Amino acid sequence: MEAANNSALCRKDPDGSECVDLIAEIETAVARERDQIETQRSEVIIE
């Protein structure tokens, strides 16, 4: 997220649609990874 905010795209026009879209993509990817990790965590069997 910090990299997106520091990118030339977001520095040039932080409220622009390209920057907003980039940040939305990052947030979606983070949520997807979080869901995947949670699924894996719930499937682990500890004996």
C-alpha atoms as a PDB file:
ATOM      1  CA  MET A   1       0.000   0.000   0.000  1.00  0.00           C
ATOM      2  CA  GLU A   2       2.827   2.362   0.872  1.00  0.00           C
ATOM      3  CA  ALA A   3       4.501   1.596  -2.464  1.00  0.00           C
ATOM      4  CA  ALA A   4       1.292   2.486  -4.308  1.00  0.00           C
ATOM      5  CA  ASN A   5       0.963   5.768  -2.473  1.00  0.00           C
ATOM      6  CA  ASN A   6       4.601   6.568  -3.185  1.00  0.00           C
ATOM      7  CA  SER A   7       4.411   5.607  -6.858  1.00  0.00           C
ATOM      8  CA  ALA A   8       4.701   8.345  -9.451  1.00  0.00           C
ATOM      9  CA  LEU A   9       1.122   7.597 -10.492  1.00  0.00           C
ATOM     10  CA  CYS A  10      -0.313   8.389  -7.078  1.00  0.00           C
ATOM     11  CA  ARG A  11       2.022  11.293  -6.367  1.00  0.00           C
ATOM     12  CA  LYS A  12       0.988  12.890  -9.646  1.00  0.00           C
ATOM     13  CA  ASP A  13      -2.765  12.583  -9.025  1.00  0.00           C
ATOM     14  CA  PRO A  14      -3.615  10.948  -5.660  1.00  0.00           C
ATOM     15  CA  ASP A  15      -7.350  11.362  -6.175  1.00  0.00           C
ATOM     16  CA  GLY A  16      -7.241  10.228  -9.794  1.00  0.00           C
ATOM     17  CA  SER A  17      -9.004   7.114 -10.962  1.00  0.00           C
ATOM     18  CA  GLU A  18      -5.765   5.322 -11.868  1.00  0.00           C
ATOM     19  CA  CYS A  19      -4.399   5.705  -8.348  1.00  0.00           C
ATOM     20  CA  VAL A  20      -7.726   4.759  -6.782  1.00  0.00           C
ATOM     21  CA  ASP A  21      -7.909   1.694  -9.046  1.00  0.00           C
ATOM     22  CA  LEU A  22      -4.352   0.692  -8.131  1.00  0.00           C
ATOM     23  CA  ILE A  23      -5.090   0.916  -4.424  1.00  0.00           C
ATOM     24  CA  ALA A  24      -8.352  -1.028  -4.880  1.00  0.00           C
ATOM     25  CA  GLU A  25      -6.437  -3.802  -6.660  1.00  0.00           C
ATOM     26  CA  ILE A  26      -3.935  -3.955  -3.816  1.00  0.00           C
ATOM     27  CA  GLU A  27      -6.693  -4.098  -1.203  1.00  0.00           C
ATOM     28  CA  THR A  28      -8.434  -6.888  -3.128  1.00  0.00           C
ATOM     29  CA  ALA A  29      -5.201  -8.884  -3.354  1.00  0.00           C
ATOM     30  CA  VAL A  30      -4.533  -8.437   0.364  1.00  0.00           C
ATOM     31  CA  ALA A  31      -8.069  -9.606   1.223  1.00  0.00           C
ATOM     32  CA  ARG A  32      -7.701 -12.614  -1.086  1.00  0.00           C
ATOM     33  CA  GLU A  33      -4.402 -13.590   0.556  1.00  0.00           C
ATOM     34  CA  ARG A  34      -5.891 -13.127   4.024  1.00  0.00           C
ATOM     35  CA  ASP A  35      -8.822 -15.393   3.107  1.00  0.00           C
ATOM     36  CA  GLN A  36      -6.461 -18.007   1.689  1.00  0.00           C
ATOM     37  CA  ILE A  37      -4.311 -17.973   4.828  1.00  0.00           C
ATOM     38  CA  GLU A  38      -7.395 -18.227   7.039  1.00  0.00           C
ATOM     39  CA  THR A  39      -8.638 -21.205   5.012  1.00  0.00           C
ATOM     40  CA  GLN A  40      -5.281 -22.920   5.325  1.00  0.00           C
ATOM     41  CA  ARG A  41      -5.155 -22.162   9.044  1.00  0.00           C
ATOM     42  CA  SER A  42      -8.584 -23.659   9.622  1.00  0.00           C
ATOM     43  CA  GLU A  43      -7.603 -26.855   7.781  1.00  0.00           C
ATOM     44  CA  VAL A  44      -4.517 -27.548   9.911  1.00  0.00           C
ATOM     45  CA  ILE A  45      -4.870 -30.436  12.309  1.00  0.00           C
ATOM     46  CA  ILE A  46      -2.747 -30.218  15.430  1.00  0.00           C
ATOM     47  CA  GLU A  47      -2.301 -33.460  17.284  1.00  0.00           C
END
